[in-house]
Amino acid sequence: MVNVKVFIELTVPQYLIITLISPIAAWLLITGITFSFELLLSMISLSFAMLGFNTLNMIFDKDLDKINKPLRPLPSGQISVKRTLLFMFVFYAISLPIAALGGIKLFLVIIAFIAISFFYTNPITRIKKYFWSSSIIGALIYGTLPFMTAWAISNKPLPWIFLFFFTFLIFFIAPSKDIEDIEGEKKT
């Protein structure tokens, strides 16, 4: 059994705030409607995909975290890689059928989210190692794709100007979360 503190540190749910602001704002811009069941589906699906990404990132950053954040659940031994992988698969597995309930476009956006998160962090492709990746992938994962989840369920034209605004806003904000990892990145 994993305690709540370890689970929260593993999944980093505070990043969900950023992920949820974009679809809500996009939904309001696109439709002018304050709420819909489809928006709720897209937000739940996106949240589970984000938790999957955060957990996946913890697995592949275990060695880096031994240097920068040794008290995190994986480097400190509070949870095993095997159990963390299980959480990741469960989060992704929950996100996909919920997305499918919102339609094919939402499902494809969530598939894109999962694919990008995998290519960003896994050791084979490890796009994360490039200095530009935090801005570009951050803009996609925290800006573009959350915005696209709202558009995918709206049946309205894509408001490109707002999509670019959200994308570029996150493009400039995303690198700030990596400042704390600079020392460990030099050593790995």
N, C-alpha and C. Protein backbone atom coordinates (compact mmCIF):
# COMPACT_ATOMS: atom_id res chain seq x y z
N MET A 1 0.84 -1.19 0.00
CA MET A 1 0.00 0.00 0.00
C MET A 1 0.88 1.25 0.00
N VAL A 2 0.54 2.20 -0.83
CA VAL A 2 1.29 3.45 -0.92
C VAL A 2 0.54 4.51 -0.12
N ASN A 3 1.28 5.21 0.74
CA ASN A 3 0.60 6.25 1.51
C ASN A 3 0.33 7.48 0.64
N VAL A 4 -0.55 8.31 1.12
CA VAL A 4 -1.02 9.47 0.35
C VAL A 4 0.13 10.42 0.03
N LYS A 5 1.00 10.67 0.98
CA LYS A 5 2.12 11.59 0.76
C LYS A 5 3.01 11.10 -0.39
N VAL A 6 3.35 9.83 -0.39
CA VAL A 6 4.18 9.26 -1.44
C VAL A 6 3.46 9.34 -2.79
N PHE A 7 2.17 9.04 -2.79
CA PHE A 7 1.38 9.09 -4.02
C PHE A 7 1.37 10.51 -4.59
N ILE A 8 1.20 11.50 -3.74
CA ILE A 8 1.18 12.90 -4.20
C ILE A 8 2.55 13.31 -4.73
N GLU A 9 3.60 12.94 -4.03
CA GLU A 9 4.95 13.27 -4.49
C GLU A 9 5.29 12.57 -5.80
N LEU A 10 4.75 11.40 -5.99
CA LEU A 10 5.00 10.62 -7.21
C LEU A 10 4.25 11.19 -8.42
N THR A 11 3.02 11.58 -8.23
CA THR A 11 2.17 12.00 -9.35
C THR A 11 2.22 13.51 -9.62
N VAL A 12 2.73 14.29 -8.71
CA VAL A 12 2.86 15.74 -8.83
C VAL A 12 1.54 16.37 -9.32
N PRO A 13 0.46 16.19 -8.58
CA PRO A 13 -0.85 16.66 -9.06
C PRO A 13 -0.98 18.18 -9.16
N GLN A 14 -0.06 18.93 -8.57
CA GLN A 14 -0.14 20.39 -8.70
C GLN A 14 0.01 20.84 -10.15
N TYR A 15 0.64 20.03 -10.99
CA TYR A 15 0.74 20.37 -12.42
C TYR A 15 -0.61 20.28 -13.12
N LEU A 16 -1.56 19.62 -12.50
CA LEU A 16 -2.90 19.54 -13.08
C LEU A 16 -3.55 20.92 -13.18
N ILE A 17 -3.19 21.81 -12.29
CA ILE A 17 -3.77 23.16 -12.32
C ILE A 17 -3.48 23.82 -13.66
N ILE A 18 -2.23 23.76 -14.09
CA ILE A 18 -1.86 24.34 -15.39
C ILE A 18 -2.60 23.62 -16.51
N THR A 19 -2.66 22.31 -16.40
CA THR A 19 -3.29 21.50 -17.44
C THR A 19 -4.78 21.77 -17.55
N LEU A 20 -5.42 22.13 -16.47
CA LEU A 20 -6.87 22.33 -16.49
C LEU A 20 -7.28 23.76 -16.82
N ILE A 21 -6.41 24.72 -16.57
CA ILE A 21 -6.74 26.11 -16.89
C ILE A 21 -6.93 26.28 -18.40
N SER A 22 -6.05 25.68 -19.17
CA SER A 22 -6.11 25.84 -20.63
C SER A 22 -7.40 25.30 -21.24
N PRO A 23 -7.86 24.06 -20.93
CA PRO A 23 -9.11 23.61 -21.54
C PRO A 23 -10.32 24.43 -21.09
N ILE A 24 -10.33 24.87 -19.84
CA ILE A 24 -11.46 25.68 -19.37
C ILE A 24 -11.49 27.01 -20.12
N ALA A 25 -10.33 27.67 -20.18
CA ALA A 25 -10.26 28.95 -20.89
C ALA A 25 -10.58 28.76 -22.37
N ALA A 26 -10.03 27.71 -22.97
CA ALA A 26 -10.30 27.45 -24.39
C ALA A 26 -11.77 27.19 -24.62
N TRP A 27 -12.38 26.40 -23.75
CA TRP A 27 -13.81 26.09 -23.88
C TRP A 27 -14.64 27.37 -23.83
N LEU A 28 -14.32 28.24 -22.90
CA LEU A 28 -15.06 29.51 -22.80
C LEU A 28 -14.86 30.37 -24.05
N LEU A 29 -13.63 30.42 -24.55
CA LEU A 29 -13.35 31.20 -25.75
C LEU A 29 -14.05 30.62 -26.98
N ILE A 30 -14.04 29.32 -27.10
CA ILE A 30 -14.57 28.67 -28.29
C ILE A 30 -16.09 28.65 -28.28
N THR A 31 -16.69 28.34 -27.14
CA THR A 31 -18.14 28.12 -27.11
C THR A 31 -18.93 29.21 -26.39
N GLY A 32 -18.29 29.89 -25.45
CA GLY A 32 -19.01 30.87 -24.64
C GLY A 32 -19.88 30.22 -23.57
N ILE A 33 -19.82 28.90 -23.48
CA ILE A 33 -20.62 28.15 -22.51
C ILE A 33 -19.74 27.87 -21.29
N THR A 34 -20.30 27.98 -20.10
CA THR A 34 -19.48 27.80 -18.91
C THR A 34 -19.21 26.34 -18.56
N PHE A 35 -20.08 25.43 -18.93
CA PHE A 35 -19.87 24.04 -18.55
C PHE A 35 -20.56 23.11 -19.53
N SER A 36 -20.00 21.92 -19.68
CA SER A 36 -20.66 20.86 -20.42
C SER A 36 -20.10 19.53 -19.93
N PHE A 37 -20.85 18.49 -20.15
CA PHE A 37 -20.41 17.15 -19.78
C PHE A 37 -19.17 16.76 -20.57
N GLU A 38 -19.11 17.15 -21.85
CA GLU A 38 -17.96 16.84 -22.69
C GLU A 38 -16.69 17.50 -22.16
N LEU A 39 -16.82 18.75 -21.67
CA LEU A 39 -15.66 19.43 -21.09
C LEU A 39 -15.17 18.66 -19.87
N LEU A 40 -16.08 18.20 -19.06
CA LEU A 40 -15.71 17.41 -17.88
C LEU A 40 -14.97 16.14 -18.31
N LEU A 41 -15.47 15.45 -19.33
CA LEU A 41 -14.80 14.26 -19.85
C LEU A 41 -13.38 14.59 -20.31
N SER A 42 -13.24 15.68 -21.05
CA SER A 42 -11.92 16.03 -21.57
C SER A 42 -10.96 16.37 -20.43
N MET A 43 -11.45 17.06 -19.41
CA MET A 43 -10.60 17.42 -18.29
C MET A 43 -10.19 16.20 -17.46
N ILE A 44 -11.10 15.28 -17.27
CA ILE A 44 -10.78 14.05 -16.52
C ILE A 44 -9.77 13.21 -17.30
N SER A 45 -10.03 13.04 -18.59
CA SER A 45 -9.11 12.27 -19.43
C SER A 45 -7.72 12.89 -19.45
N LEU A 46 -7.67 14.19 -19.65
CA LEU A 46 -6.39 14.90 -19.68
C LEU A 46 -5.69 14.80 -18.32
N SER A 47 -6.43 14.88 -17.24
CA SER A 47 -5.84 14.77 -15.90
C SER A 47 -5.18 13.41 -15.70
N PHE A 48 -5.86 12.35 -16.08
CA PHE A 48 -5.25 11.03 -15.94
C PHE A 48 -4.03 10.87 -16.84
N ALA A 49 -4.09 11.42 -18.05
CA ALA A 49 -2.92 11.38 -18.94
C ALA A 49 -1.75 12.16 -18.33
N MET A 50 -2.05 13.30 -17.72
CA MET A 50 -1.00 14.09 -17.07
C MET A 50 -0.39 13.34 -15.89
N LEU A 51 -1.23 12.68 -15.10
CA LEU A 51 -0.71 11.88 -13.98
C LEU A 51 0.17 10.75 -14.51
N GLY A 52 -0.22 10.15 -15.63
CA GLY A 52 0.61 9.13 -16.27
C GLY A 52 1.95 9.69 -16.71
N PHE A 53 1.93 10.87 -17.31
CA PHE A 53 3.17 11.52 -17.74
C PHE A 53 4.07 11.83 -16.55
N ASN A 54 3.48 12.41 -15.50
CA ASN A 54 4.28 12.76 -14.33
C ASN A 54 4.93 11.52 -13.72
N THR A 55 4.18 10.43 -13.67
CA THR A 55 4.69 9.19 -13.12
C THR A 55 5.78 8.59 -14.02
N LEU A 56 5.54 8.60 -15.32
CA LEU A 56 6.53 8.14 -16.28
C LEU A 56 7.83 8.93 -16.14
N ASN A 57 7.69 10.23 -16.02
CA ASN A 57 8.84 11.11 -15.88
C ASN A 57 9.63 10.77 -14.61
N MET A 58 8.93 10.44 -13.53
CA MET A 58 9.61 10.05 -12.28
C MET A 58 10.45 8.79 -12.49
N ILE A 59 9.94 7.86 -13.27
CA ILE A 59 10.66 6.61 -13.51
C ILE A 59 11.97 6.89 -14.24
N PHE A 60 11.88 7.65 -15.32
CA PHE A 60 13.07 7.89 -16.13
C PHE A 60 14.01 8.94 -15.54
N ASP A 61 13.53 9.72 -14.58
CA ASP A 61 14.37 10.71 -13.91
C ASP A 61 14.91 10.22 -12.57
N LYS A 62 14.76 8.95 -12.30
CA LYS A 62 15.17 8.40 -11.01
C LYS A 62 16.64 8.72 -10.70
N ASP A 63 17.53 8.50 -11.67
CA ASP A 63 18.95 8.76 -11.43
C ASP A 63 19.24 10.25 -11.25
N LEU A 64 18.59 11.07 -12.05
CA LEU A 64 18.72 12.52 -11.90
C LEU A 64 18.20 12.97 -10.54
N ASP A 65 17.09 12.40 -10.13
CA ASP A 65 16.51 12.76 -8.84
C ASP A 65 17.36 12.30 -7.66
N LYS A 66 18.17 11.27 -7.85
CA LYS A 66 19.10 10.86 -6.79
C LYS A 66 20.04 12.00 -6.43
N ILE A 67 20.35 12.84 -7.43
CA ILE A 67 21.26 13.98 -7.23
C ILE A 67 20.48 15.21 -6.76
N ASN A 68 19.43 15.56 -7.50
CA ASN A 68 18.71 16.82 -7.25
C ASN A 68 17.63 16.72 -6.19
N LYS A 69 16.95 15.59 -6.14
CA LYS A 69 15.79 15.45 -5.25
C LYS A 69 15.79 14.05 -4.63
N PRO A 70 16.78 13.76 -3.80
CA PRO A 70 16.93 12.40 -3.27
C PRO A 70 15.79 11.95 -2.36
N LEU A 71 14.98 12.87 -1.89
CA LEU A 71 13.88 12.49 -1.01
C LEU A 71 12.60 12.13 -1.76
N ARG A 72 12.62 12.25 -3.08
CA ARG A 72 11.45 11.84 -3.87
C ARG A 72 11.22 10.34 -3.68
N PRO A 73 10.00 9.88 -3.94
CA PRO A 73 9.66 8.49 -3.64
C PRO A 73 10.54 7.42 -4.28
N LEU A 74 10.91 7.56 -5.54
CA LEU A 74 11.73 6.52 -6.19
C LEU A 74 13.18 6.51 -5.70
N PRO A 75 13.89 7.63 -5.74
CA PRO A 75 15.29 7.56 -5.29
C PRO A 75 15.43 7.23 -3.80
N SER A 76 14.45 7.58 -3.01
CA SER A 76 14.52 7.29 -1.58
C SER A 76 14.05 5.88 -1.24
N GLY A 77 13.52 5.15 -2.23
CA GLY A 77 13.09 3.78 -2.00
C GLY A 77 11.71 3.64 -1.35
N GLN A 78 10.94 4.72 -1.32
CA GLN A 78 9.60 4.67 -0.72
C GLN A 78 8.61 3.90 -1.60
N ILE A 79 8.95 3.76 -2.87
CA ILE A 79 8.11 3.02 -3.81
C ILE A 79 9.03 2.40 -4.86
N SER A 80 8.64 1.28 -5.40
CA SER A 80 9.46 0.60 -6.39
C SER A 80 9.15 1.10 -7.81
N VAL A 81 10.09 0.88 -8.70
CA VAL A 81 9.88 1.22 -10.12
C VAL A 81 8.72 0.39 -10.66
N LYS A 82 8.65 -0.86 -10.26
CA LYS A 82 7.58 -1.74 -10.74
C LYS A 82 6.20 -1.19 -10.37
N ARG A 83 6.02 -0.77 -9.13
CA ARG A 83 4.74 -0.21 -8.70
C ARG A 83 4.47 1.13 -9.40
N THR A 84 5.51 1.91 -9.60
CA THR A 84 5.35 3.18 -10.30
C THR A 84 4.92 2.95 -11.74
N LEU A 85 5.51 1.95 -12.40
CA LEU A 85 5.08 1.59 -13.76
C LEU A 85 3.61 1.18 -13.79
N LEU A 86 3.20 0.45 -12.79
CA LEU A 86 1.80 0.05 -12.70
C LEU A 86 0.90 1.28 -12.62
N PHE A 87 1.25 2.23 -11.77
CA PHE A 87 0.47 3.47 -11.68
C PHE A 87 0.41 4.17 -13.03
N MET A 88 1.56 4.26 -13.71
CA MET A 88 1.60 4.94 -15.01
C MET A 88 0.65 4.27 -16.00
N PHE A 89 0.73 2.96 -16.10
CA PHE A 89 -0.15 2.25 -17.03
C PHE A 89 -1.62 2.42 -16.66
N VAL A 90 -1.92 2.38 -15.38
CA VAL A 90 -3.31 2.57 -14.95
C VAL A 90 -3.80 3.97 -15.31
N PHE A 91 -2.99 4.99 -15.07
CA PHE A 91 -3.40 6.36 -15.40
C PHE A 91 -3.66 6.51 -16.90
N TYR A 92 -2.73 6.02 -17.72
CA TYR A 92 -2.93 6.10 -19.16
C TYR A 92 -4.13 5.27 -19.60
N ALA A 93 -4.27 4.10 -19.03
CA ALA A 93 -5.39 3.21 -19.39
C ALA A 93 -6.74 3.82 -19.02
N ILE A 94 -6.81 4.55 -17.95
CA ILE A 94 -8.06 5.22 -17.57
C ILE A 94 -8.34 6.41 -18.49
N SER A 95 -7.29 7.12 -18.88
CA SER A 95 -7.49 8.33 -19.70
C SER A 95 -8.06 8.01 -21.08
N LEU A 96 -7.67 6.90 -21.67
CA LEU A 96 -8.08 6.60 -23.05
C LEU A 96 -9.57 6.31 -23.23
N PRO A 97 -10.18 5.43 -22.44
CA PRO A 97 -11.63 5.22 -22.65
C PRO A 97 -12.47 6.45 -22.31
N ILE A 98 -12.01 7.23 -21.34
CA ILE A 98 -12.74 8.46 -21.03
C ILE A 98 -12.66 9.41 -22.22
N ALA A 99 -11.48 9.51 -22.83
CA ALA A 99 -11.33 10.35 -24.03
C ALA A 99 -12.21 9.84 -25.15
N ALA A 100 -12.29 8.53 -25.31
CA ALA A 100 -13.12 7.94 -26.38
C ALA A 100 -14.58 8.32 -26.20
N LEU A 101 -15.03 8.46 -24.96
CA LEU A 101 -16.41 8.90 -24.72
C LEU A 101 -16.66 10.30 -25.27
N GLY A 102 -15.59 11.11 -25.33
CA GLY A 102 -15.70 12.47 -25.85
C GLY A 102 -15.59 12.56 -27.36
N GLY A 103 -15.31 11.45 -28.02
CA GLY A 103 -15.23 11.45 -29.48
C GLY A 103 -13.83 11.17 -29.99
N ILE A 104 -13.75 10.91 -31.28
CA ILE A 104 -12.49 10.52 -31.91
C ILE A 104 -11.44 11.62 -31.84
N LYS A 105 -11.84 12.89 -32.00
CA LYS A 105 -10.86 13.97 -31.95
C LYS A 105 -10.22 14.06 -30.56
N LEU A 106 -11.03 13.96 -29.52
CA LEU A 106 -10.48 14.00 -28.16
C LEU A 106 -9.57 12.80 -27.93
N PHE A 107 -9.99 11.64 -28.37
CA PHE A 107 -9.19 10.43 -28.22
C PHE A 107 -7.83 10.61 -28.89
N LEU A 108 -7.80 11.17 -30.09
CA LEU A 108 -6.55 11.38 -30.81
C LEU A 108 -5.65 12.41 -30.11
N VAL A 109 -6.25 13.43 -29.53
CA VAL A 109 -5.46 14.42 -28.79
C VAL A 109 -4.80 13.76 -27.58
N ILE A 110 -5.53 12.92 -26.88
CA ILE A 110 -4.96 12.23 -25.71
C ILE A 110 -3.89 11.23 -26.16
N ILE A 111 -4.10 10.55 -27.27
CA ILE A 111 -3.06 9.67 -27.82
C ILE A 111 -1.80 10.49 -28.12
N ALA A 112 -1.97 11.66 -28.72
CA ALA A 112 -0.83 12.53 -29.02
C ALA A 112 -0.12 12.94 -27.73
N PHE A 113 -0.89 13.27 -26.72
CA PHE A 113 -0.32 13.64 -25.42
C PHE A 113 0.55 12.50 -24.87
N ILE A 114 0.02 11.30 -24.88
CA ILE A 114 0.74 10.14 -24.35
C ILE A 114 1.99 9.87 -25.18
N ALA A 115 1.88 9.94 -26.50
CA ALA A 115 3.03 9.70 -27.37
C ALA A 115 4.13 10.73 -27.14
N ILE A 116 3.76 11.99 -27.07
CA ILE A 116 4.75 13.05 -26.85
C ILE A 116 5.41 12.88 -25.49
N SER A 117 4.62 12.55 -24.47
CA SER A 117 5.21 12.37 -23.14
C SER A 117 6.20 11.21 -23.13
N PHE A 118 5.89 10.15 -23.86
CA PHE A 118 6.80 9.01 -23.93
C PHE A 118 8.10 9.38 -24.66
N PHE A 119 7.98 10.03 -25.82
CA PHE A 119 9.17 10.40 -26.58
C PHE A 119 10.03 11.43 -25.85
N TYR A 120 9.40 12.23 -25.04
CA TYR A 120 10.11 13.26 -24.29
C TYR A 120 11.02 12.65 -23.22
N THR A 121 10.53 11.66 -22.52
CA THR A 121 11.21 11.23 -21.31
C THR A 121 11.90 9.88 -21.36
N ASN A 122 11.53 8.98 -22.25
CA ASN A 122 12.12 7.63 -22.21
C ASN A 122 13.58 7.66 -22.64
N PRO A 123 14.40 6.72 -22.16
CA PRO A 123 15.84 6.77 -22.43
C PRO A 123 16.22 6.52 -23.89
N ILE A 124 15.37 5.92 -24.68
CA ILE A 124 15.72 5.63 -26.07
C ILE A 124 15.67 6.90 -26.91
N THR A 125 14.56 7.62 -26.85
CA THR A 125 14.44 8.86 -27.63
C THR A 125 14.86 10.08 -26.83
N ARG A 126 14.64 10.10 -25.56
CA ARG A 126 15.02 11.13 -24.57
C ARG A 126 15.16 12.53 -25.16
N ILE A 127 14.10 13.03 -25.74
CA ILE A 127 14.09 14.39 -26.26
C ILE A 127 14.41 15.38 -25.14
N LYS A 128 14.12 14.98 -23.93
CA LYS A 128 14.33 15.82 -22.76
C LYS A 128 15.78 16.31 -22.63
N LYS A 129 16.72 15.59 -23.21
CA LYS A 129 18.14 15.95 -23.05
C LYS A 129 18.54 17.20 -23.83
N TYR A 130 17.71 17.64 -24.76
CA TYR A 130 18.04 18.81 -25.56
C TYR A 130 17.57 20.08 -24.85
N PHE A 131 18.38 21.13 -24.91
CA PHE A 131 18.08 22.35 -24.17
C PHE A 131 16.75 22.99 -24.59
N TRP A 132 16.34 22.81 -25.81
CA TRP A 132 15.11 23.41 -26.34
C TRP A 132 13.87 22.62 -25.98
N SER A 133 14.05 21.40 -25.54
CA SER A 133 12.91 20.50 -25.37
C SER A 133 11.94 20.93 -24.28
N SER A 134 12.45 21.49 -23.20
CA SER A 134 11.57 21.88 -22.12
C SER A 134 10.54 22.91 -22.60
N SER A 135 11.00 23.86 -23.39
CA SER A 135 10.08 24.88 -23.91
C SER A 135 9.09 24.30 -24.91
N ILE A 136 9.59 23.54 -25.87
CA ILE A 136 8.72 23.03 -26.93
C ILE A 136 7.76 21.96 -26.41
N ILE A 137 8.28 20.98 -25.70
CA ILE A 137 7.41 19.92 -25.20
C ILE A 137 6.50 20.46 -24.11
N GLY A 138 7.02 21.34 -23.27
CA GLY A 138 6.18 21.99 -22.26
C GLY A 138 5.03 22.74 -22.90
N ALA A 139 5.33 23.47 -23.98
CA ALA A 139 4.28 24.21 -24.68
C ALA A 139 3.22 23.27 -25.25
N LEU A 140 3.66 22.12 -25.76
CA LEU A 140 2.71 21.14 -26.30
C LEU A 140 1.89 20.49 -25.20
N ILE A 141 2.56 20.00 -24.16
CA ILE A 141 1.88 19.22 -23.11
C ILE A 141 1.02 20.09 -22.20
N TYR A 142 1.49 21.29 -21.89
CA TYR A 142 0.76 22.14 -20.95
C TYR A 142 -0.07 23.22 -21.63
N GLY A 143 0.17 23.47 -22.92
CA GLY A 143 -0.55 24.53 -23.62
C GLY A 143 -1.38 24.04 -24.79
N THR A 144 -0.70 23.59 -25.85
CA THR A 144 -1.38 23.22 -27.08
C THR A 144 -2.37 22.07 -26.90
N LEU A 145 -1.91 20.96 -26.36
CA LEU A 145 -2.79 19.79 -26.26
C LEU A 145 -3.95 19.99 -25.28
N PRO A 146 -3.74 20.62 -24.12
CA PRO A 146 -4.91 20.92 -23.28
C PRO A 146 -5.92 21.83 -23.99
N PHE A 147 -5.41 22.82 -24.73
CA PHE A 147 -6.29 23.68 -25.51
C PHE A 147 -7.06 22.86 -26.54
N MET A 148 -6.34 21.95 -27.19
CA MET A 148 -6.95 21.12 -28.23
C MET A 148 -8.01 20.17 -27.67
N THR A 149 -7.91 19.80 -26.40
CA THR A 149 -8.94 18.93 -25.82
C THR A 149 -10.29 19.65 -25.80
N ALA A 150 -10.26 20.93 -25.51
CA ALA A 150 -11.52 21.71 -25.52
C ALA A 150 -12.04 21.86 -26.95
N TRP A 151 -11.14 22.16 -27.86
CA TRP A 151 -11.57 22.32 -29.26
C TRP A 151 -12.13 20.99 -29.79
N ALA A 152 -11.48 19.89 -29.44
CA ALA A 152 -11.88 18.57 -29.96
C ALA A 152 -13.32 18.22 -29.64
N ILE A 153 -13.84 18.72 -28.55
CA ILE A 153 -15.21 18.39 -28.15
C ILE A 153 -16.21 19.48 -28.51
N SER A 154 -15.73 20.56 -29.10
CA SER A 154 -16.59 21.73 -29.33
C SER A 154 -17.37 21.74 -30.63
N ASN A 155 -16.89 21.07 -31.66
CA ASN A 155 -17.49 21.14 -32.99
C ASN A 155 -17.52 22.56 -33.54
N LYS A 156 -16.54 23.34 -33.17
CA LYS A 156 -16.40 24.72 -33.65
C LYS A 156 -15.05 24.85 -34.35
N PRO A 157 -14.88 25.91 -35.15
CA PRO A 157 -13.58 26.13 -35.78
C PRO A 157 -12.50 26.38 -34.73
N LEU A 158 -11.30 25.99 -35.05
CA LEU A 158 -10.17 26.17 -34.13
C LEU A 158 -9.78 27.64 -34.11
N PRO A 159 -9.81 28.28 -32.94
CA PRO A 159 -9.38 29.69 -32.85
C PRO A 159 -7.85 29.78 -32.77
N TRP A 160 -7.22 29.84 -33.92
CA TRP A 160 -5.76 29.77 -34.01
C TRP A 160 -5.05 30.81 -33.16
N ILE A 161 -5.55 32.02 -33.14
CA ILE A 161 -4.87 33.09 -32.40
C ILE A 161 -4.78 32.75 -30.92
N PHE A 162 -5.84 32.20 -30.35
CA PHE A 162 -5.81 31.82 -28.94
C PHE A 162 -4.96 30.58 -28.71
N LEU A 163 -4.98 29.66 -29.66
CA LEU A 163 -4.12 28.48 -29.55
C LEU A 163 -2.66 28.91 -29.51
N PHE A 164 -2.28 29.82 -30.39
CA PHE A 164 -0.90 30.32 -30.39
C PHE A 164 -0.58 31.06 -29.10
N PHE A 165 -1.53 31.82 -28.59
CA PHE A 165 -1.32 32.54 -27.34
C PHE A 165 -1.00 31.57 -26.20
N PHE A 166 -1.85 30.54 -26.02
CA PHE A 166 -1.63 29.56 -24.95
C PHE A 166 -0.31 28.82 -25.16
N THR A 167 -0.03 28.46 -26.39
CA THR A 167 1.20 27.72 -26.68
C THR A 167 2.43 28.56 -26.35
N PHE A 168 2.45 29.81 -26.81
CA PHE A 168 3.62 30.65 -26.57
C PHE A 168 3.74 31.07 -25.11
N LEU A 169 2.64 31.24 -24.43
CA LEU A 169 2.68 31.55 -23.00
C LEU A 169 3.39 30.43 -22.24
N ILE A 170 2.98 29.22 -22.50
CA ILE A 170 3.60 28.07 -21.82
C ILE A 170 5.03 27.85 -22.32
N PHE A 171 5.30 28.14 -23.59
CA PHE A 171 6.64 28.01 -24.15
C PHE A 171 7.66 28.79 -23.31
N PHE A 172 7.26 29.97 -22.83
CA PHE A 172 8.17 30.79 -22.05
C PHE A 172 8.15 30.47 -20.56
N ILE A 173 7.08 29.86 -20.09
CA ILE A 173 6.98 29.51 -18.67
C ILE A 173 7.61 28.14 -18.38
N ALA A 174 7.47 27.19 -19.28
CA ALA A 174 7.88 25.79 -19.04
C ALA A 174 9.33 25.61 -18.59
N PRO A 175 10.30 26.32 -19.15
CA PRO A 175 11.69 26.08 -18.73
C PRO A 175 11.95 26.39 -17.26
N SER A 176 11.12 27.20 -16.64
CA SER A 176 11.36 27.58 -15.25
C SER A 176 11.29 26.38 -14.31
N LYS A 177 10.51 25.36 -14.66
CA LYS A 177 10.41 24.20 -13.78
C LYS A 177 11.66 23.32 -13.82
N ASP A 178 12.53 23.52 -14.82
CA ASP A 178 13.74 22.72 -14.94
C ASP A 178 14.97 23.36 -14.30
N ILE A 179 14.83 24.57 -13.81
CA ILE A 179 15.97 25.26 -13.20
C ILE A 179 16.55 24.44 -12.05
N GLU A 180 15.67 23.81 -11.28
CA GLU A 180 16.14 23.04 -10.12
C GLU A 180 16.90 21.77 -10.50
N ASP A 181 16.86 21.37 -11.76
CA ASP A 181 17.54 20.15 -12.19
C ASP A 181 18.87 20.40 -12.88
N ILE A 182 19.30 21.63 -12.99
CA ILE A 182 20.50 21.95 -13.77
C ILE A 182 21.73 21.21 -13.26
N GLU A 183 21.95 21.20 -11.96
CA GLU A 183 23.15 20.56 -11.39
C GLU A 183 23.18 19.07 -11.70
N GLY A 184 22.06 18.40 -11.51
CA GLY A 184 21.99 16.96 -11.79
C GLY A 184 22.13 16.65 -13.26
N GLU A 185 21.59 17.51 -14.13
CA GLU A 185 21.71 17.30 -15.59
C GLU A 185 23.17 17.31 -16.02
N LYS A 186 23.99 18.14 -15.38
CA LYS A 186 25.41 18.20 -15.72
C LYS A 186 26.12 16.90 -15.40
N LYS A 187 25.64 16.20 -14.35
CA LYS A 187 26.30 14.99 -13.88
C LYS A 187 25.81 13.73 -14.56
N THR A 188 24.66 13.79 -15.26
CA THR A 188 24.13 12.59 -15.91
C THR A 188 24.38 12.59 -17.39
